[in-house]
Amino acid sequence: MVSFTQSRFPAQHAGVARHAAVAGATSATHRGFDSTKGLSAMLLTAMVSALVVVADQLIDTWADGHLMVAWVALWVVGFSALALFAGAARKLAVTVVNSLDAWSVRVAKTRADKRLWAIAKTDPRVMSELTAAKTRNER
C-alpha cells in the first residue's frame, strides 16, 4: 500500500532570506554614494581655511581698533573663497577619484595576470590554453 505525505517545509531558509535582504539594502545604499562629493567638500574646506588664515593674518596687521570691519572682511573672504574654489575642488576631486579607480583596476589586472601565470607554470593545460590564445591573438 502506498501513502503520500505532503510536507510543509519552507522553500527558502529564513536566515538566507534575511541575509539577502540585508545585502540588497546595503548595495542600494552603496549605489547612491558618491565619493567625489565628500572629497570635494574636504578639499574646498582646506582651500578656504588656508585662505581665511592668510586673510586673518593680513587683516590683523591693519585692523587695530576696527574689529567689526575686520570680522566682515574675513567673512567676505571666506564666502568669496567658497564661491571661487567650489568648481575647482569638485573637478580636482573627480580627477583624483578617477585616477585612483584606474590605478586600482591596473593593480588588480596585474595581480590577476601574475596569479594566472603562476598557475600556468604549474599546470600544462593552462599553459597550453595561454599559448593557444596568444597565437590566436597574433594572427
N, C-alpha and C. Protein backbone atom coordinates (compact mmCIF):
# COMPACT_ATOMS: atom_id res chain seq x y z
N MET A 1 0.83 -1.17 0.00
CA MET A 1 0.00 0.00 0.00
C MET A 1 0.89 1.24 0.00
N VAL A 2 0.53 2.21 -0.80
CA VAL A 2 1.30 3.43 -0.95
C VAL A 2 0.58 4.57 -0.24
N SER A 3 1.32 5.35 0.51
CA SER A 3 0.72 6.52 1.15
C SER A 3 1.56 7.75 0.79
N PHE A 4 0.88 8.82 0.57
CA PHE A 4 1.54 10.07 0.19
C PHE A 4 1.50 11.03 1.37
N THR A 5 2.59 11.75 1.53
CA THR A 5 2.63 12.78 2.57
C THR A 5 2.96 14.11 1.91
N GLN A 6 2.41 15.13 2.47
CA GLN A 6 2.72 16.47 1.98
C GLN A 6 3.43 17.23 3.11
N SER A 7 4.68 17.50 2.86
CA SER A 7 5.43 18.23 3.88
C SER A 7 5.27 19.72 3.66
N ARG A 8 5.26 20.46 4.73
CA ARG A 8 5.08 21.90 4.65
C ARG A 8 6.38 22.62 5.04
N PHE A 9 7.48 22.16 4.48
CA PHE A 9 8.75 22.82 4.74
C PHE A 9 8.87 24.05 3.85
N PRO A 10 9.46 25.11 4.37
CA PRO A 10 9.61 26.31 3.53
C PRO A 10 10.59 26.06 2.38
N ALA A 11 10.34 26.73 1.28
CA ALA A 11 11.19 26.57 0.10
C ALA A 11 12.51 27.32 0.26
N GLN A 12 12.54 28.29 1.15
CA GLN A 12 13.75 29.07 1.35
C GLN A 12 14.03 29.20 2.84
N HIS A 13 15.30 29.11 3.18
CA HIS A 13 15.71 29.23 4.58
C HIS A 13 15.52 30.67 5.04
N ALA A 14 14.99 30.84 6.24
CA ALA A 14 14.70 32.19 6.75
C ALA A 14 15.98 33.02 6.92
N GLY A 15 17.05 32.40 7.35
CA GLY A 15 18.31 33.12 7.51
C GLY A 15 18.87 33.60 6.19
N VAL A 16 18.73 32.77 5.16
CA VAL A 16 19.20 33.16 3.83
C VAL A 16 18.38 34.33 3.31
N ALA A 17 17.08 34.31 3.55
CA ALA A 17 16.21 35.40 3.10
C ALA A 17 16.59 36.71 3.80
N ARG A 18 16.86 36.64 5.10
CA ARG A 18 17.27 37.85 5.83
C ARG A 18 18.60 38.37 5.31
N HIS A 19 19.52 37.46 5.08
CA HIS A 19 20.84 37.87 4.57
C HIS A 19 20.71 38.51 3.19
N ALA A 20 19.89 37.96 2.34
CA ALA A 20 19.69 38.54 1.00
C ALA A 20 19.05 39.92 1.09
N ALA A 21 18.13 40.10 2.03
CA ALA A 21 17.50 41.41 2.20
C ALA A 21 18.52 42.45 2.68
N VAL A 22 19.37 42.07 3.61
CA VAL A 22 20.40 42.98 4.10
C VAL A 22 21.40 43.31 2.99
N ALA A 23 21.79 42.31 2.22
CA ALA A 23 22.73 42.55 1.12
C ALA A 23 22.11 43.47 0.07
N GLY A 24 20.84 43.31 -0.21
CA GLY A 24 20.16 44.19 -1.17
C GLY A 24 20.09 45.62 -0.66
N ALA A 25 19.80 45.78 0.61
CA ALA A 25 19.73 47.13 1.19
C ALA A 25 21.11 47.78 1.20
N THR A 26 22.14 47.01 1.49
CA THR A 26 23.49 47.55 1.51
C THR A 26 23.94 47.97 0.12
N SER A 27 23.64 47.16 -0.88
CA SER A 27 24.06 47.52 -2.24
C SER A 27 23.28 48.73 -2.74
N ALA A 28 22.02 48.88 -2.32
CA ALA A 28 21.24 50.05 -2.72
C ALA A 28 21.83 51.32 -2.09
N THR A 29 22.30 51.22 -0.87
CA THR A 29 22.93 52.35 -0.21
C THR A 29 24.25 52.70 -0.90
N HIS A 30 25.00 51.68 -1.28
CA HIS A 30 26.30 51.90 -1.91
C HIS A 30 26.14 52.54 -3.29
N ARG A 31 25.07 52.21 -4.02
CA ARG A 31 24.86 52.79 -5.34
C ARG A 31 24.63 54.30 -5.26
N GLY A 32 24.01 54.78 -4.19
CA GLY A 32 23.73 56.20 -4.06
C GLY A 32 24.90 57.00 -3.51
N PHE A 33 25.99 56.34 -3.16
CA PHE A 33 27.14 57.00 -2.55
C PHE A 33 28.07 57.54 -3.63
N ASP A 34 28.43 58.80 -3.53
CA ASP A 34 29.35 59.43 -4.46
C ASP A 34 30.55 59.91 -3.67
N SER A 35 31.68 59.26 -3.85
CA SER A 35 32.86 59.59 -3.05
C SER A 35 33.46 60.94 -3.42
N THR A 36 33.15 61.44 -4.61
CA THR A 36 33.73 62.72 -5.01
C THR A 36 33.13 63.88 -4.24
N LYS A 37 31.90 63.74 -3.77
CA LYS A 37 31.27 64.83 -3.02
C LYS A 37 32.01 65.08 -1.70
N GLY A 38 32.29 64.02 -0.99
CA GLY A 38 33.00 64.17 0.28
C GLY A 38 34.40 64.69 0.09
N LEU A 39 35.08 64.16 -0.93
CA LEU A 39 36.44 64.61 -1.20
C LEU A 39 36.47 66.07 -1.63
N SER A 40 35.51 66.46 -2.48
CA SER A 40 35.49 67.86 -2.91
C SER A 40 35.16 68.79 -1.75
N ALA A 41 34.29 68.34 -0.84
CA ALA A 41 33.98 69.17 0.33
C ALA A 41 35.21 69.34 1.21
N MET A 42 35.97 68.27 1.39
CA MET A 42 37.18 68.37 2.21
C MET A 42 38.23 69.26 1.54
N LEU A 43 38.39 69.12 0.22
CA LEU A 43 39.34 69.97 -0.49
C LEU A 43 38.93 71.43 -0.43
N LEU A 44 37.63 71.67 -0.61
CA LEU A 44 37.13 73.05 -0.54
C LEU A 44 37.34 73.63 0.85
N THR A 45 37.10 72.84 1.86
CA THR A 45 37.31 73.30 3.23
C THR A 45 38.78 73.63 3.47
N ALA A 46 39.67 72.80 2.96
CA ALA A 46 41.10 73.06 3.14
C ALA A 46 41.52 74.34 2.43
N MET A 47 41.02 74.52 1.20
CA MET A 47 41.39 75.74 0.46
C MET A 47 40.86 76.99 1.14
N VAL A 48 39.61 76.95 1.56
CA VAL A 48 39.00 78.12 2.20
C VAL A 48 39.69 78.39 3.54
N SER A 49 40.00 77.34 4.28
CA SER A 49 40.68 77.53 5.57
C SER A 49 42.03 78.20 5.39
N ALA A 50 42.77 77.73 4.40
CA ALA A 50 44.09 78.34 4.16
C ALA A 50 43.95 79.80 3.77
N LEU A 51 42.98 80.10 2.92
CA LEU A 51 42.79 81.49 2.50
C LEU A 51 42.32 82.36 3.66
N VAL A 52 41.46 81.83 4.52
CA VAL A 52 40.97 82.60 5.66
C VAL A 52 42.11 82.86 6.66
N VAL A 53 42.98 81.89 6.84
CA VAL A 53 44.12 82.09 7.75
C VAL A 53 45.03 83.19 7.22
N VAL A 54 45.31 83.15 5.92
CA VAL A 54 46.15 84.20 5.32
C VAL A 54 45.46 85.56 5.43
N ALA A 55 44.15 85.60 5.14
CA ALA A 55 43.41 86.85 5.24
C ALA A 55 43.38 87.36 6.67
N ASP A 56 43.26 86.47 7.63
CA ASP A 56 43.26 86.88 9.04
C ASP A 56 44.59 87.50 9.42
N GLN A 57 45.66 86.92 8.96
CA GLN A 57 46.97 87.49 9.28
C GLN A 57 47.16 88.86 8.62
N LEU A 58 46.65 89.01 7.39
CA LEU A 58 46.76 90.31 6.72
C LEU A 58 45.86 91.35 7.37
N ILE A 59 44.64 90.95 7.71
CA ILE A 59 43.69 91.89 8.31
C ILE A 59 44.14 92.29 9.71
N ASP A 60 44.78 91.36 10.41
CA ASP A 60 45.22 91.63 11.78
C ASP A 60 46.25 92.76 11.82
N THR A 61 47.00 92.94 10.76
CA THR A 61 48.02 93.99 10.76
C THR A 61 47.43 95.38 10.62
N TRP A 62 46.30 95.53 9.91
CA TRP A 62 45.76 96.88 9.69
C TRP A 62 44.47 97.17 10.43
N ALA A 63 43.85 96.18 11.07
CA ALA A 63 42.59 96.41 11.79
C ALA A 63 42.85 96.54 13.28
N ASP A 64 43.50 97.62 13.67
CA ASP A 64 43.87 97.79 15.07
C ASP A 64 42.65 97.89 15.98
N GLY A 65 41.77 98.83 15.72
CA GLY A 65 40.62 99.01 16.60
C GLY A 65 39.30 98.71 15.92
N HIS A 66 39.35 98.30 14.68
CA HIS A 66 38.12 98.11 13.90
C HIS A 66 37.82 96.61 13.77
N LEU A 67 37.40 96.01 14.86
CA LEU A 67 37.16 94.57 14.86
C LEU A 67 35.96 94.18 14.01
N MET A 68 34.92 95.02 13.98
CA MET A 68 33.74 94.71 13.18
C MET A 68 34.07 94.70 11.69
N VAL A 69 34.83 95.67 11.25
CA VAL A 69 35.24 95.73 9.85
C VAL A 69 36.13 94.52 9.51
N ALA A 70 37.02 94.18 10.41
CA ALA A 70 37.89 93.03 10.18
C ALA A 70 37.07 91.74 10.12
N TRP A 71 36.09 91.62 11.00
CA TRP A 71 35.24 90.43 11.02
C TRP A 71 34.44 90.31 9.72
N VAL A 72 33.87 91.42 9.25
CA VAL A 72 33.11 91.41 8.00
C VAL A 72 34.04 91.09 6.83
N ALA A 73 35.22 91.67 6.82
CA ALA A 73 36.17 91.40 5.73
C ALA A 73 36.58 89.94 5.71
N LEU A 74 36.75 89.37 6.88
CA LEU A 74 37.12 87.95 6.95
C LEU A 74 36.01 87.06 6.41
N TRP A 75 34.76 87.39 6.74
CA TRP A 75 33.64 86.61 6.21
C TRP A 75 33.48 86.80 4.71
N VAL A 76 33.74 87.99 4.23
CA VAL A 76 33.69 88.22 2.77
C VAL A 76 34.74 87.37 2.07
N VAL A 77 35.92 87.32 2.65
CA VAL A 77 36.98 86.49 2.07
C VAL A 77 36.56 85.02 2.10
N GLY A 78 35.98 84.58 3.19
CA GLY A 78 35.56 83.18 3.30
C GLY A 78 34.50 82.80 2.28
N PHE A 79 33.46 83.61 2.16
CA PHE A 79 32.40 83.29 1.20
C PHE A 79 32.87 83.45 -0.24
N SER A 80 33.74 84.41 -0.48
CA SER A 80 34.30 84.55 -1.83
C SER A 80 35.13 83.32 -2.20
N ALA A 81 35.88 82.84 -1.24
CA ALA A 81 36.69 81.65 -1.49
C ALA A 81 35.80 80.44 -1.75
N LEU A 82 34.70 80.33 -1.02
CA LEU A 82 33.76 79.23 -1.28
C LEU A 82 33.23 79.29 -2.70
N ALA A 83 32.84 80.47 -3.13
CA ALA A 83 32.30 80.62 -4.48
C ALA A 83 33.37 80.41 -5.54
N LEU A 84 34.58 80.85 -5.25
CA LEU A 84 35.65 80.77 -6.23
C LEU A 84 36.20 79.35 -6.39
N PHE A 85 36.37 78.66 -5.29
CA PHE A 85 37.04 77.36 -5.33
C PHE A 85 36.10 76.16 -5.42
N ALA A 86 34.80 76.35 -5.41
CA ALA A 86 33.88 75.21 -5.42
C ALA A 86 34.04 74.36 -6.67
N GLY A 87 34.06 74.99 -7.82
CA GLY A 87 34.20 74.24 -9.07
C GLY A 87 35.55 73.56 -9.19
N ALA A 88 36.59 74.27 -8.79
CA ALA A 88 37.93 73.70 -8.86
C ALA A 88 38.08 72.50 -7.93
N ALA A 89 37.51 72.61 -6.74
CA ALA A 89 37.60 71.49 -5.79
C ALA A 89 36.84 70.28 -6.31
N ARG A 90 35.69 70.51 -6.91
CA ARG A 90 34.90 69.41 -7.47
C ARG A 90 35.65 68.72 -8.61
N LYS A 91 36.23 69.52 -9.51
CA LYS A 91 36.99 68.95 -10.63
C LYS A 91 38.20 68.18 -10.13
N LEU A 92 38.88 68.73 -9.15
CA LEU A 92 40.05 68.05 -8.59
C LEU A 92 39.65 66.74 -7.93
N ALA A 93 38.53 66.74 -7.21
CA ALA A 93 38.07 65.52 -6.56
C ALA A 93 37.70 64.46 -7.59
N VAL A 94 37.02 64.85 -8.66
CA VAL A 94 36.66 63.89 -9.71
C VAL A 94 37.91 63.32 -10.35
N THR A 95 38.88 64.17 -10.61
CA THR A 95 40.13 63.71 -11.22
C THR A 95 40.86 62.73 -10.30
N VAL A 96 40.93 63.06 -9.02
CA VAL A 96 41.62 62.18 -8.07
C VAL A 96 40.91 60.84 -7.96
N VAL A 97 39.59 60.85 -7.85
CA VAL A 97 38.84 59.60 -7.72
C VAL A 97 38.97 58.76 -8.99
N ASN A 98 38.88 59.39 -10.15
CA ASN A 98 39.02 58.63 -11.41
C ASN A 98 40.42 58.05 -11.56
N SER A 99 41.44 58.80 -11.19
CA SER A 99 42.79 58.27 -11.30
C SER A 99 43.03 57.15 -10.29
N LEU A 100 42.47 57.26 -9.10
CA LEU A 100 42.60 56.17 -8.13
C LEU A 100 41.84 54.93 -8.57
N ASP A 101 40.68 55.11 -9.19
CA ASP A 101 39.94 53.97 -9.73
C ASP A 101 40.73 53.28 -10.84
N ALA A 102 41.31 54.07 -11.74
CA ALA A 102 42.11 53.49 -12.83
C ALA A 102 43.34 52.77 -12.28
N TRP A 103 43.96 53.35 -11.26
CA TRP A 103 45.12 52.72 -10.65
C TRP A 103 44.74 51.38 -10.01
N SER A 104 43.62 51.34 -9.30
CA SER A 104 43.23 50.09 -8.65
C SER A 104 42.87 49.02 -9.67
N VAL A 105 42.29 49.43 -10.81
CA VAL A 105 41.99 48.46 -11.88
C VAL A 105 43.30 47.91 -12.45
N ARG A 106 44.28 48.79 -12.68
CA ARG A 106 45.58 48.33 -13.20
C ARG A 106 46.25 47.37 -12.23
N VAL A 107 46.20 47.68 -10.94
CA VAL A 107 46.82 46.81 -9.94
C VAL A 107 46.11 45.46 -9.90
N ALA A 108 44.78 45.48 -9.98
CA ALA A 108 44.03 44.22 -9.95
C ALA A 108 44.33 43.37 -11.19
N LYS A 109 44.42 44.00 -12.36
CA LYS A 109 44.74 43.25 -13.58
C LYS A 109 46.15 42.66 -13.51
N THR A 110 47.09 43.44 -13.01
CA THR A 110 48.46 42.95 -12.88
C THR A 110 48.52 41.78 -11.91
N ARG A 111 47.82 41.89 -10.80
CA ARG A 111 47.80 40.82 -9.82
C ARG A 111 47.15 39.56 -10.39
N ALA A 112 46.07 39.74 -11.16
CA ALA A 112 45.40 38.58 -11.77
C ALA A 112 46.29 37.93 -12.82
N ASP A 113 47.01 38.74 -13.60
CA ASP A 113 47.93 38.18 -14.59
C ASP A 113 49.06 37.39 -13.93
N LYS A 114 49.60 37.92 -12.85
CA LYS A 114 50.66 37.21 -12.13
C LYS A 114 50.14 35.89 -11.55
N ARG A 115 48.93 35.93 -11.02
CA ARG A 115 48.34 34.73 -10.45
C ARG A 115 48.10 33.68 -11.54
N LEU A 116 47.59 34.12 -12.70
CA LEU A 116 47.35 33.20 -13.81
C LEU A 116 48.66 32.63 -14.33
N TRP A 117 49.69 33.44 -14.41
CA TRP A 117 50.98 32.96 -14.87
C TRP A 117 51.57 31.95 -13.89
N ALA A 118 51.40 32.18 -12.60
CA ALA A 118 51.89 31.22 -11.60
C ALA A 118 51.15 29.89 -11.72
N ILE A 119 49.86 29.96 -11.99
CA ILE A 119 49.09 28.73 -12.18
C ILE A 119 49.52 28.04 -13.47
N ALA A 120 49.76 28.82 -14.52
CA ALA A 120 50.16 28.24 -15.81
C ALA A 120 51.52 27.56 -15.72
N LYS A 121 52.40 28.04 -14.86
CA LYS A 121 53.70 27.40 -14.70
C LYS A 121 53.57 26.00 -14.10
N THR A 122 52.55 25.80 -13.29
CA THR A 122 52.40 24.50 -12.63
C THR A 122 51.42 23.58 -13.36
N ASP A 123 50.57 24.12 -14.21
CA ASP A 123 49.55 23.31 -14.89
C ASP A 123 49.75 23.42 -16.41
N PRO A 124 50.14 22.32 -17.06
CA PRO A 124 50.39 22.39 -18.51
C PRO A 124 49.13 22.66 -19.33
N ARG A 125 47.96 22.31 -18.80
CA ARG A 125 46.72 22.59 -19.54
C ARG A 125 46.48 24.09 -19.64
N VAL A 126 46.71 24.79 -18.55
CA VAL A 126 46.52 26.24 -18.56
C VAL A 126 47.57 26.90 -19.46
N MET A 127 48.80 26.38 -19.41
CA MET A 127 49.85 26.93 -20.26
C MET A 127 49.53 26.73 -21.74
N SER A 128 48.98 25.57 -22.09
CA SER A 128 48.61 25.34 -23.49
C SER A 128 47.47 26.26 -23.91
N GLU A 129 46.53 26.52 -23.01
CA GLU A 129 45.45 27.47 -23.31
C GLU A 129 46.00 28.88 -23.52
N LEU A 130 46.95 29.27 -22.69
CA LEU A 130 47.55 30.60 -22.85
C LEU A 130 48.32 30.72 -24.16
N THR A 131 49.08 29.70 -24.50
CA THR A 131 49.83 29.77 -25.76
C THR A 131 48.89 29.75 -26.95
N ALA A 132 47.80 28.99 -26.87
CA ALA A 132 46.82 28.97 -27.96
C ALA A 132 46.15 30.34 -28.10
N ALA A 133 45.82 30.96 -27.00
CA ALA A 133 45.21 32.29 -27.05
C ALA A 133 46.20 33.31 -27.60
N LYS A 134 47.45 33.17 -27.24
CA LYS A 134 48.47 34.09 -27.74
C LYS A 134 48.65 33.95 -29.25
N THR A 135 48.67 32.71 -29.74
CA THR A 135 48.81 32.51 -31.19
C THR A 135 47.57 32.98 -31.94
N ARG A 136 46.40 32.80 -31.35
CA ARG A 136 45.17 33.31 -31.98
C ARG A 136 45.19 34.84 -32.05
N ASN A 137 45.72 35.45 -31.04
CA ASN A 137 45.78 36.92 -30.97
C ASN A 137 46.79 37.48 -31.97
N GLU A 138 47.86 36.73 -32.24
CA GLU A 138 48.89 37.20 -33.17
C GLU A 138 48.45 37.12 -34.62
N ARG A 139 47.47 36.30 -34.93
CA ARG A 139 47.01 36.15 -36.32
C ARG A 139 46.27 37.32 -36.81
